[in-house]
PDB file of all heavy atoms in Angstrom:
ATOM      1  N   TRP A   1       0.813  -1.203  -0.018  1.00  0.00           N
ATOM      2  CA  TRP A   1      -0.004  -0.038   0.001  1.00  0.00           C
ATOM      3  C   TRP A   1       0.908   1.277  -0.017  1.00  0.00           C
ATOM      4  O   TRP A   1       0.591   2.222  -0.730  1.00  0.00           O
ATOM      5  CB  TRP A   1      -0.922  -0.016   1.212  1.00  0.00           C
ATOM      6  CG  TRP A   1      -1.869   1.096   1.249  1.00  0.00           C
ATOM      7  CD1 TRP A   1      -3.196   1.175   0.812  1.00  0.00           C
ATOM      8  CD2 TRP A   1      -1.601   2.510   1.723  1.00  0.00           C
ATOM      9  NE1 TRP A   1      -3.710   2.383   0.930  1.00  0.00           N
ATOM     10  CE2 TRP A   1      -2.829   3.239   1.501  1.00  0.00           C
ATOM     11  CE3 TRP A   1      -0.516   3.106   2.257  1.00  0.00           C
ATOM     12  CZ2 TRP A   1      -2.871   4.595   1.847  1.00  0.00           C
ATOM     13  CZ3 TRP A   1      -0.595   4.466   2.630  1.00  0.00           C
ATOM     14  CH2 TRP A   1      -1.754   5.154   2.383  1.00  0.00           C
ATOM     15  N   VAL A   2       1.935   1.193   0.791  1.00  0.00           N
ATOM     16  CA  VAL A   2       2.866   2.384   0.884  1.00  0.00           C
ATOM     17  C   VAL A   2       3.466   2.647  -0.504  1.00  0.00           C
ATOM     18  O   VAL A   2       3.492   3.806  -0.952  1.00  0.00           O
ATOM     19  CB  VAL A   2       3.948   2.136   1.922  1.00  0.00           C
ATOM     20  CG1 VAL A   2       5.062   3.140   1.818  1.00  0.00           C
ATOM     21  CG2 VAL A   2       3.346   2.189   3.325  1.00  0.00           C
ATOM     22  N   LYS A   3       3.910   1.644  -1.115  1.00  0.00           N
ATOM     23  CA  LYS A   3       4.553   1.826  -2.514  1.00  0.00           C
ATOM     24  C   LYS A   3       3.582   2.416  -3.431  1.00  0.00           C
ATOM     25  O   LYS A   3       3.886   3.317  -4.284  1.00  0.00           O
ATOM     26  CB  LYS A   3       5.060   0.507  -2.981  1.00  0.00           C
ATOM     27  CG  LYS A   3       5.760   0.583  -4.368  1.00  0.00           C
ATOM     28  CD  LYS A   3       6.288  -0.785  -4.801  1.00  0.00           C
ATOM     29  CE  LYS A   3       6.974  -0.656  -6.185  1.00  0.00           C
ATOM     30  NZ  LYS A   3       8.205   0.207  -6.112  1.00  0.00           N
ATOM     31  N   GLU A   4       2.328   2.051  -3.402  1.00  0.00           N
ATOM     32  CA  GLU A   4       1.312   2.464  -4.335  1.00  0.00           C
ATOM     33  C   GLU A   4       0.728   3.895  -4.024  1.00  0.00           C
ATOM     34  O   GLU A   4       0.257   4.575  -4.982  1.00  0.00           O
ATOM     35  CB  GLU A   4       0.155   1.441  -4.383  1.00  0.00           C
ATOM     36  CG  GLU A   4       0.557   0.155  -4.958  1.00  0.00           C
ATOM     37  CD  GLU A   4      -0.602  -0.883  -4.819  1.00  0.00           C
ATOM     38  OE1 GLU A   4      -1.590  -0.587  -4.192  1.00  0.00           O
ATOM     39  OE2 GLU A   4      -0.536  -1.961  -5.435  1.00  0.00           O
ATOM     40  N   ASN A   5       0.776   4.304  -2.821  1.00  0.00           N
ATOM     41  CA  ASN A   5       0.081   5.482  -2.406  1.00  0.00           C
ATOM     42  C   ASN A   5       0.828   6.603  -1.705  1.00  0.00           C
ATOM     43  O   ASN A   5       0.337   7.704  -1.631  1.00  0.00           O
ATOM     44  CB  ASN A   5      -1.051   5.057  -1.472  1.00  0.00           C
ATOM     45  CG  ASN A   5      -2.140   4.218  -2.105  1.00  0.00           C
ATOM     46  OD1 ASN A   5      -2.999   4.709  -2.835  1.00  0.00           O
ATOM     47  ND2 ASN A   5      -2.009   2.914  -1.861  1.00  0.00           N
ATOM     48  N   ILE A   6       2.054   6.293  -1.208  1.00  0.00           N
ATOM     49  CA  ILE A   6       2.669   7.226  -0.361  1.00  0.00           C
ATOM     50  C   ILE A   6       3.119   8.532  -1.056  1.00  0.00           C
ATOM     51  O   ILE A   6       3.267   9.580  -0.358  1.00  0.00           O
ATOM     52  CB  ILE A   6       3.862   6.571   0.375  1.00  0.00           C
ATOM     53  CG1 ILE A   6       4.180   7.297   1.677  1.00  0.00           C
ATOM     54  CG2 ILE A   6       5.084   6.554  -0.587  1.00  0.00           C
ATOM     55  CD1 ILE A   6       3.098   7.188   2.708  1.00  0.00           C
ATOM     56  N   ALA A   7       3.275   8.478  -2.359  1.00  0.00           N
ATOM     57  CA  ALA A   7       3.659   9.663  -3.151  1.00  0.00           C
ATOM     58  C   ALA A   7       2.558  10.763  -2.958  1.00  0.00           C
ATOM     59  O   ALA A   7       2.915  11.980  -2.944  1.00  0.00           O
ATOM     60  CB  ALA A   7       3.884   9.372  -4.552  1.00  0.00           C
ATOM     61  N   ASN A   8       1.353  10.361  -2.814  1.00  0.00           N
ATOM     62  CA  ASN A   8       0.224  11.295  -2.623  1.00  0.00           C
ATOM     63  C   ASN A   8       0.283  11.979  -1.260  1.00  0.00           C
ATOM     64  O   ASN A   8      -0.410  12.993  -1.022  1.00  0.00           O
ATOM     65  CB  ASN A   8      -1.111  10.688  -2.842  1.00  0.00           C
ATOM     66  CG  ASN A   8      -1.310  10.247  -4.255  1.00  0.00           C
ATOM     67  OD1 ASN A   8      -0.627  10.759  -5.155  1.00  0.00           O
ATOM     68  ND2 ASN A   8      -2.153   9.279  -4.545  1.00  0.00           N
ATOM     69  N   PHE A   9       1.037  11.435  -0.314  1.00  0.00           N
ATOM     70  CA  PHE A   9       1.190  11.990   1.029  1.00  0.00           C
ATOM     71  C   PHE A   9       2.525  12.668   1.211  1.00  0.00           C
ATOM     72  O   PHE A   9       2.891  13.040   2.301  1.00  0.00           O
ATOM     73  CB  PHE A   9       1.019  10.880   2.068  1.00  0.00           C
ATOM     74  CG  PHE A   9      -0.367  10.234   2.036  1.00  0.00           C
ATOM     75  CD1 PHE A   9      -0.644   9.184   1.208  1.00  0.00           C
ATOM     76  CD2 PHE A   9      -1.343  10.686   2.920  1.00  0.00           C
ATOM     77  CE1 PHE A   9      -1.905   8.592   1.181  1.00  0.00           C
ATOM     78  CE2 PHE A   9      -2.605  10.146   2.942  1.00  0.00           C
ATOM     79  CZ  PHE A   9      -2.887   9.094   2.067  1.00  0.00           C
ATOM     80  N   GLY A  10       3.228  12.889   0.081  1.00  0.00           N
ATOM     81  CA  GLY A  10       4.575  13.578   0.195  1.00  0.00           C
ATOM     82  C   GLY A  10       5.713  12.654   0.421  1.00  0.00           C
ATOM     83  O   GLY A  10       6.828  13.160   0.770  1.00  0.00           O
ATOM     84  N   GLY A  11       5.516  11.406   0.234  1.00  0.00           N
ATOM     85  CA  GLY A  11       6.617  10.395   0.425  1.00  0.00           C
ATOM     86  C   GLY A  11       7.201   9.878  -0.850  1.00  0.00           C
ATOM     87  O   GLY A  11       6.565   9.889  -1.958  1.00  0.00           O
ATOM     88  N   ASP A  12       8.421   9.404  -0.716  1.00  0.00           N
ATOM     89  CA  ASP A  12       9.155   8.885  -1.956  1.00  0.00           C
ATOM     90  C   ASP A  12       8.999   7.398  -1.902  1.00  0.00           C
ATOM     91  O   ASP A  12       9.697   6.673  -1.075  1.00  0.00           O
ATOM     92  CB  ASP A  12      10.591   9.311  -1.949  1.00  0.00           C
ATOM     93  CG  ASP A  12      11.385   8.798  -3.138  1.00  0.00           C
ATOM     94  OD1 ASP A  12      10.854   8.086  -3.984  1.00  0.00           O
ATOM     95  OD2 ASP A  12      12.607   9.101  -3.191  1.00  0.00           O
ATOM     96  N   PRO A  13       8.280   6.649  -2.815  1.00  0.00           N
ATOM     97  CA  PRO A  13       8.200   5.198  -2.762  1.00  0.00           C
ATOM     98  C   PRO A  13       9.441   4.493  -3.094  1.00  0.00           C
ATOM     99  O   PRO A  13       9.521   3.273  -2.872  1.00  0.00           O
ATOM    100  CB  PRO A  13       7.043   4.960  -3.861  1.00  0.00           C
ATOM    101  CG  PRO A  13       7.085   6.104  -4.736  1.00  0.00           C
ATOM    102  CD  PRO A  13       7.524   7.304  -3.850  1.00  0.00           C
ATOM    103  N   SER A  14      10.447   5.201  -3.560  1.00  0.00           N
ATOM    104  CA  SER A  14      11.722   4.596  -3.873  1.00  0.00           C
ATOM    105  C   SER A  14      12.731   4.756  -2.729  1.00  0.00           C
ATOM    106  O   SER A  14      13.909   4.411  -2.902  1.00  0.00           O
ATOM    107  CB  SER A  14      12.239   5.154  -5.202  1.00  0.00           C
ATOM    108  OG  SER A  14      12.640   6.520  -5.000  1.00  0.00           O
ATOM    109  N   ASN A  15      12.281   5.257  -1.636  1.00  0.00           N
ATOM    110  CA  ASN A  15      13.109   5.470  -0.434  1.00  0.00           C
ATOM    111  C   ASN A  15      12.328   5.146   0.825  1.00  0.00           C
ATOM    112  O   ASN A  15      12.010   6.068   1.562  1.00  0.00           O
ATOM    113  CB  ASN A  15      13.644   6.939  -0.457  1.00  0.00           C
ATOM    114  CG  ASN A  15      14.719   7.090   0.657  1.00  0.00           C
ATOM    115  OD1 ASN A  15      15.163   6.257   1.294  1.00  0.00           O
ATOM    116  ND2 ASN A  15      15.154   8.399   0.762  1.00  0.00           N
ATOM    117  N   VAL A  16      12.084   3.852   1.024  1.00  0.00           N
ATOM    118  CA  VAL A  16      11.298   3.367   2.105  1.00  0.00           C
ATOM    119  C   VAL A  16      12.197   2.582   3.119  1.00  0.00           C
ATOM    120  O   VAL A  16      12.895   1.676   2.691  1.00  0.00           O
ATOM    121  CB  VAL A  16      10.143   2.556   1.668  1.00  0.00           C
ATOM    122  CG1 VAL A  16       9.318   1.968   2.907  1.00  0.00           C
ATOM    123  CG2 VAL A  16       9.180   3.331   0.793  1.00  0.00           C
ATOM    124  N   THR A  17      12.177   3.009   4.402  1.00  0.00           N
ATOM    125  CA  THR A  17      12.863   2.286   5.372  1.00  0.00           C
ATOM    126  C   THR A  17      11.907   1.568   6.315  1.00  0.00           C
ATOM    127  O   THR A  17      10.919   2.200   6.784  1.00  0.00           O
ATOM    128  CB  THR A  17      13.728   3.219   6.278  1.00  0.00           C
ATOM    129  OG1 THR A  17      14.738   3.781   5.378  1.00  0.00           O
ATOM    130  CG2 THR A  17      14.483   2.448   7.395  1.00  0.00           C
ATOM    131  N   ILE A  18      12.070   0.313   6.598  1.00  0.00           N
ATOM    132  CA  ILE A  18      11.253  -0.371   7.594  1.00  0.00           C
ATOM    133  C   ILE A  18      12.050  -0.414   8.927  1.00  0.00           C
ATOM    134  O   ILE A  18      13.261  -0.581   8.904  1.00  0.00           O
ATOM    135  CB  ILE A  18      10.806  -1.786   7.184  1.00  0.00           C
ATOM    136  CG1 ILE A  18      12.091  -2.640   6.925  1.00  0.00           C
ATOM    137  CG2 ILE A  18       9.978  -1.732   5.944  1.00  0.00           C
ATOM    138  CD1 ILE A  18      11.769  -4.134   6.641  1.00  0.00           C
ATOM    139  N   ALA A  19      11.347  -0.293  10.016  1.00  0.00           N
ATOM    140  CA  ALA A  19      11.988  -0.283  11.336  1.00  0.00           C
ATOM    141  C   ALA A  19      11.054  -0.813  12.371  1.00  0.00           C
ATOM    142  O   ALA A  19       9.807  -0.688  12.212  1.00  0.00           O
ATOM    143  CB  ALA A  19      12.373   1.146  11.748  1.00  0.00           C
ATOM    144  N   GLY A  20      11.540  -1.504  13.384  1.00  0.00           N
ATOM    145  CA  GLY A  20      10.741  -2.015  14.397  1.00  0.00           C
ATOM    146  C   GLY A  20      11.557  -2.431  15.627  1.00  0.00           C
ATOM    147  O   GLY A  20      12.753  -2.536  15.512  1.00  0.00           O
ATOM    148  N   GLU A  21      10.895  -2.643  16.769  1.00  0.00           N
ATOM    149  CA  GLU A  21      11.486  -3.043  17.970  1.00  0.00           C
ATOM    150  C   GLU A  21      10.904  -4.288  18.530  1.00  0.00           C
ATOM    151  O   GLU A  21       9.646  -4.532  18.315  1.00  0.00           O
ATOM    152  CB  GLU A  21      11.589  -1.949  19.034  1.00  0.00           C
ATOM    153  CG  GLU A  21      10.235  -1.357  19.411  1.00  0.00           C
ATOM    154  CD  GLU A  21       9.522  -2.124  20.465  1.00  0.00           C
ATOM    155  OE1 GLU A  21      10.160  -2.868  21.278  1.00  0.00           O
ATOM    156  OE2 GLU A  21       8.289  -2.051  20.523  1.00  0.00           O
ATOM    157  N   SER A  22      11.656  -5.142  19.191  1.00  0.00           N
ATOM    158  CA  SER A  22      11.145  -6.414  19.767  1.00  0.00           C
ATOM    159  C   SER A  22      10.543  -7.200  18.653  1.00  0.00           C
ATOM    160  O   SER A  22      11.214  -7.620  17.685  1.00  0.00           O
ATOM    161  CB  SER A  22      10.177  -6.113  20.892  1.00  0.00           C
ATOM    162  OG  SER A  22       9.915  -7.274  21.623  1.00  0.00           O
ATOM    163  N   ALA A  23       9.212  -7.605  18.783  1.00  0.00           N
ATOM    164  CA  ALA A  23       8.599  -8.334  17.676  1.00  0.00           C
ATOM    165  C   ALA A  23       8.685  -7.617  16.365  1.00  0.00           C
ATOM    166  O   ALA A  23       8.755  -8.255  15.294  1.00  0.00           O
ATOM    167  CB  ALA A  23       7.115  -8.642  17.977  1.00  0.00           C
ATOM    168  N   GLY A  24       8.679  -6.251  16.449  1.00  0.00           N
ATOM    169  CA  GLY A  24       8.828  -5.484  15.220  1.00  0.00           C
ATOM    170  C   GLY A  24      10.217  -5.659  14.646  1.00  0.00           C
ATOM    171  O   GLY A  24      10.400  -5.698  13.409  1.00  0.00           O
ATOM    172  N   GLY A  25      11.274  -5.763  15.470  1.00  0.00           N
ATOM    173  CA  GLY A  25      12.563  -6.029  15.034  1.00  0.00           C
ATOM    174  C   GLY A  25      12.694  -7.396  14.371  1.00  0.00           C
ATOM    175  O   GLY A  25      13.357  -7.589  13.316  1.00  0.00           O
ATOM    176  N   MET A  26      12.011  -8.392  15.005  1.00  0.00           N
ATOM    177  CA  MET A  26      11.973  -9.731  14.351  1.00  0.00           C
ATOM    178  C   MET A  26      11.261  -9.726  13.029  1.00  0.00           C
ATOM    179  O   MET A  26      11.626 -10.399  12.121  1.00  0.00           O
ATOM    180  CB  MET A  26      11.266 -10.731  15.355  1.00  0.00           C
ATOM    181  CG  MET A  26      12.051 -10.968  16.650  1.00  0.00           C
ATOM    182  SD  MET A  26      11.102 -12.158  17.683  1.00  0.00           S
ATOM    183  CE  MET A  26      12.173 -12.068  19.135  1.00  0.00           C
ATOM    184  N   SER A  27      10.193  -8.902  13.000  1.00  0.00           N
ATOM    185  CA  SER A  27       9.461  -8.737  11.687  1.00  0.00           C
ATOM    186  C   SER A  27      10.435  -8.222  10.668  1.00  0.00           C
ATOM    187  O   SER A  27      10.366  -8.593   9.469  1.00  0.00           O
ATOM    188  CB  SER A  27       8.281  -7.841  11.869  1.00  0.00           C
ATOM    189  OG  SER A  27       7.379  -8.416  12.774  1.00  0.00           O
ATOM    190  N   VAL A  28      11.247  -7.251  10.996  1.00  0.00           N
ATOM    191  CA  VAL A  28      12.175  -6.623  10.038  1.00  0.00           C
ATOM    192  C   VAL A  28      13.113  -7.731   9.525  1.00  0.00           C
ATOM    193  O   VAL A  28      13.353  -7.833   8.250  1.00  0.00           O
ATOM    194  CB  VAL A  28      12.988  -5.518  10.687  1.00  0.00           C
ATOM    195  CG1 VAL A  28      14.211  -5.090   9.812  1.00  0.00           C
ATOM    196  CG2 VAL A  28      12.130  -4.329  10.939  1.00  0.00           C
ATOM    197  N   GLY A  29      13.608  -8.603  10.464  1.00  0.00           N
ATOM    198  CA  GLY A  29      14.478  -9.677   9.940  1.00  0.00           C
ATOM    199  C   GLY A  29      13.788 -10.646   9.031  1.00  0.00           C
ATOM    200  O   GLY A  29      14.297 -11.106   8.022  1.00  0.00           O
ATOM    201  N   THR A  30      12.503 -10.913   9.284  1.00  0.00           N
ATOM    202  CA  THR A  30      11.764 -11.807   8.443  1.00  0.00           C
ATOM    203  C   THR A  30      11.416 -11.183   7.070  1.00  0.00           C
ATOM    204  O   THR A  30      11.537 -11.804   6.056  1.00  0.00           O
ATOM    205  CB  THR A  30      10.361 -12.148   9.101  1.00  0.00           C
ATOM    206  OG1 THR A  30      10.600 -12.706  10.360  1.00  0.00           O
ATOM    207  CG2 THR A  30       9.508 -13.111   8.281  1.00  0.00           C
TER     208      THR A  30
END
């Protein structure tokens, strides 16, 4: 969804960073 829509919110779909902590950090690894 972010890739398809974030440009309309002022974001660059070619420059996306995922981040998370604890289970979110494990999700990043996955």
